[in-house]
Amino acid sequence: MSQLQFVSSRPRPALQAYVIEIGEAQIGLVSRRPDERDFTFIAASSAFRSLDGQRFATPGAAESAARRLARPRRHNALRLAS
């Protein structure tokens, strides 16, 4: 996860933004304005579109959600085998 810095000529609190990566792939980012409590996910890949616009307490929580989404669906394979 990488932090992006936004610089302005006016003094004001900075927007916080982090790139969310799985392995070498950048799959989205989260950002929040100074007046927001949570981070909003912005998908960079259609595979993660279901997370687009969701809000997370921390960038790590967004990364965990993306990793869960990226995992193969083992429970479907197990159900078919039984």
C-alpha atoms as a PDB file:
ATOM      1  CA  MET A   1       0.000   0.000   0.000  1.00  0.00           C
ATOM      2  CA  SER A   2       1.412   3.387  -1.018  1.00  0.00           C
ATOM      3  CA  GLN A   3       0.358   6.821   0.187  1.00  0.00           C
ATOM      4  CA  LEU A   4      -0.263   9.565  -2.355  1.00  0.00           C
ATOM      5  CA  GLN A   5       0.374  13.171  -1.373  1.00  0.00           C
ATOM      6  CA  PHE A   6      -1.651  16.044  -2.807  1.00  0.00           C
ATOM      7  CA  VAL A   7       0.018  19.448  -2.540  1.00  0.00           C
ATOM      8  CA  SER A   8      -1.806  22.753  -2.820  1.00  0.00           C
ATOM      9  CA  SER A   9      -0.609  26.333  -2.701  1.00  0.00           C
ATOM     10  CA  ARG A  10      -3.304  27.104  -0.096  1.00  0.00           C
ATOM     11  CA  PRO A  11      -2.766  25.908   3.451  1.00  0.00           C
ATOM     12  CA  ARG A  12      -5.461  23.350   4.268  1.00  0.00           C
ATOM     13  CA  PRO A  13      -5.600  19.821   5.623  1.00  0.00           C
ATOM     14  CA  ALA A  14      -4.468  17.307   3.029  1.00  0.00           C
ATOM     15  CA  LEU A  15      -6.591  14.693   1.357  1.00  0.00           C
ATOM     16  CA  GLN A  16      -5.425  11.241   2.407  1.00  0.00           C
ATOM     17  CA  ALA A  17      -5.158   8.624  -0.336  1.00  0.00           C
ATOM     18  CA  TYR A  18      -3.587   5.168  -0.505  1.00  0.00           C
ATOM     19  CA  VAL A  19      -3.086   2.817  -3.437  1.00  0.00           C
ATOM     20  CA  ILE A  20      -4.394  -0.691  -2.723  1.00  0.00           C
ATOM     21  CA  GLU A  21      -2.249  -3.435  -4.220  1.00  0.00           C
ATOM     22  CA  ILE A  22      -2.438  -7.211  -4.332  1.00  0.00           C
ATOM     23  CA  GLY A  23       0.976  -8.525  -5.280  1.00  0.00           C
ATOM     24  CA  GLU A  24       2.223  -6.233  -8.043  1.00  0.00           C
ATOM     25  CA  ALA A  25      -1.282  -5.272  -9.221  1.00  0.00           C
ATOM     26  CA  GLN A  26      -2.787  -1.915  -8.297  1.00  0.00           C
ATOM     27  CA  ILE A  27      -6.443  -2.798  -7.905  1.00  0.00           C
ATOM     28  CA  GLY A  28      -7.789   0.468  -6.511  1.00  0.00           C
ATOM     29  CA  LEU A  29      -7.299   3.231  -4.034  1.00  0.00           C
ATOM     30  CA  VAL A  30      -8.938   4.623  -0.940  1.00  0.00           C
ATOM     31  CA  SER A  31      -9.222   8.281  -0.076  1.00  0.00           C
ATOM     32  CA  ARG A  32     -10.808  10.586   2.456  1.00  0.00           C
ATOM     33  CA  ARG A  33     -11.100  14.308   2.904  1.00  0.00           C
ATOM     34  CA  PRO A  34     -10.131  15.878   6.231  1.00  0.00           C
ATOM     35  CA  ASP A  35     -13.795  16.164   7.237  1.00  0.00           C
ATOM     36  CA  GLU A  36     -14.491  12.445   6.600  1.00  0.00           C
ATOM     37  CA  ARG A  37     -14.077   9.638   9.100  1.00  0.00           C
ATOM     38  CA  ASP A  38     -13.886   6.696   6.670  1.00  0.00           C
ATOM     39  CA  PHE A  39     -11.970   5.954   3.475  1.00  0.00           C
ATOM     40  CA  THR A  40     -13.871   5.438   0.212  1.00  0.00           C
ATOM     41  CA  PHE A  41     -12.703   2.678  -2.162  1.00  0.00           C
ATOM     42  CA  ILE A  42     -12.270   3.526  -5.849  1.00  0.00           C
ATOM     43  CA  ALA A  43     -11.796   0.453  -8.049  1.00  0.00           C
ATOM     44  CA  ALA A  44      -9.062   0.498 -10.695  1.00  0.00           C
ATOM     45  CA  SER A  45     -10.058  -2.925 -12.032  1.00  0.00           C
ATOM     46  CA  SER A  46     -13.483  -4.244 -13.042  1.00  0.00           C
ATOM     47  CA  ALA A  47     -12.769  -7.364 -10.943  1.00  0.00           C
ATOM     48  CA  PHE A  48     -13.073  -5.153  -7.834  1.00  0.00           C
ATOM     49  CA  ARG A  49     -16.036  -3.053  -8.959  1.00  0.00           C
ATOM     50  CA  SER A  50     -18.196  -4.540  -6.192  1.00  0.00           C
ATOM     51  CA  LEU A  51     -16.014  -2.646  -3.670  1.00  0.00           C
ATOM     52  CA  ASP A  52     -16.301   0.647  -5.566  1.00  0.00           C
ATOM     53  CA  GLY A  53     -17.759   3.337  -3.319  1.00  0.00           C
ATOM     54  CA  GLN A  54     -17.668   1.202  -0.174  1.00  0.00           C
ATOM     55  CA  ARG A  55     -16.356   2.907   2.946  1.00  0.00           C
ATOM     56  CA  PHE A  56     -13.687   1.480   5.249  1.00  0.00           C
ATOM     57  CA  ALA A  57     -12.323   2.584   8.614  1.00  0.00           C
ATOM     58  CA  THR A  58      -8.707   2.050   7.493  1.00  0.00           C
ATOM     59  CA  PRO A  59      -6.792   1.409   4.267  1.00  0.00           C
ATOM     60  CA  GLY A  60      -5.863  -2.001   5.719  1.00  0.00           C
ATOM     61  CA  ALA A  61      -9.537  -2.914   6.039  1.00  0.00           C
ATOM     62  CA  ALA A  62     -10.047  -2.075   2.357  1.00  0.00           C
ATOM     63  CA  GLU A  63      -7.026  -4.170   1.398  1.00  0.00           C
ATOM     64  CA  SER A  64      -8.373  -7.120   3.419  1.00  0.00           C
ATOM     65  CA  ALA A  65     -11.746  -6.863   1.666  1.00  0.00           C
ATOM     66  CA  ALA A  66     -10.013  -6.820  -1.719  1.00  0.00           C
ATOM     67  CA  ARG A  67      -7.942  -9.883  -0.809  1.00  0.00           C
ATOM     68  CA  ARG A  68     -11.086 -11.757   0.263  1.00  0.00           C
ATOM     69  CA  LEU A  69     -12.735 -10.856  -3.036  1.00  0.00           C
ATOM     70  CA  ALA A  70      -9.676 -12.035  -4.985  1.00  0.00           C
ATOM     71  CA  ARG A  71      -9.609 -15.457  -3.282  1.00  0.00           C
ATOM     72  CA  PRO A  72     -10.913 -18.412  -5.279  1.00  0.00           C
ATOM     73  CA  ARG A  73     -14.371 -19.547  -4.209  1.00  0.00           C
ATOM     74  CA  ARG A  74     -13.559 -22.898  -2.569  1.00  0.00           C
ATOM     75  CA  HIS A  75     -16.977 -23.338  -0.979  1.00  0.00           C
ATOM     76  CA  ASN A  76     -18.639 -23.591  -4.434  1.00  0.00           C
ATOM     77  CA  ALA A  77     -16.244 -26.374  -5.471  1.00  0.00           C
ATOM     78  CA  LEU A  78     -16.849 -28.225  -2.226  1.00  0.00           C
ATOM     79  CA  ARG A  79     -20.618 -27.982  -2.644  1.00  0.00           C
ATOM     80  CA  LEU A  80     -20.423 -29.409  -6.177  1.00  0.00           C
ATOM     81  CA  ALA A  81     -18.291 -32.335  -4.993  1.00  0.00           C
ATOM     82  CA  SER A  82     -20.832 -33.465  -2.398  1.00  0.00           C
END
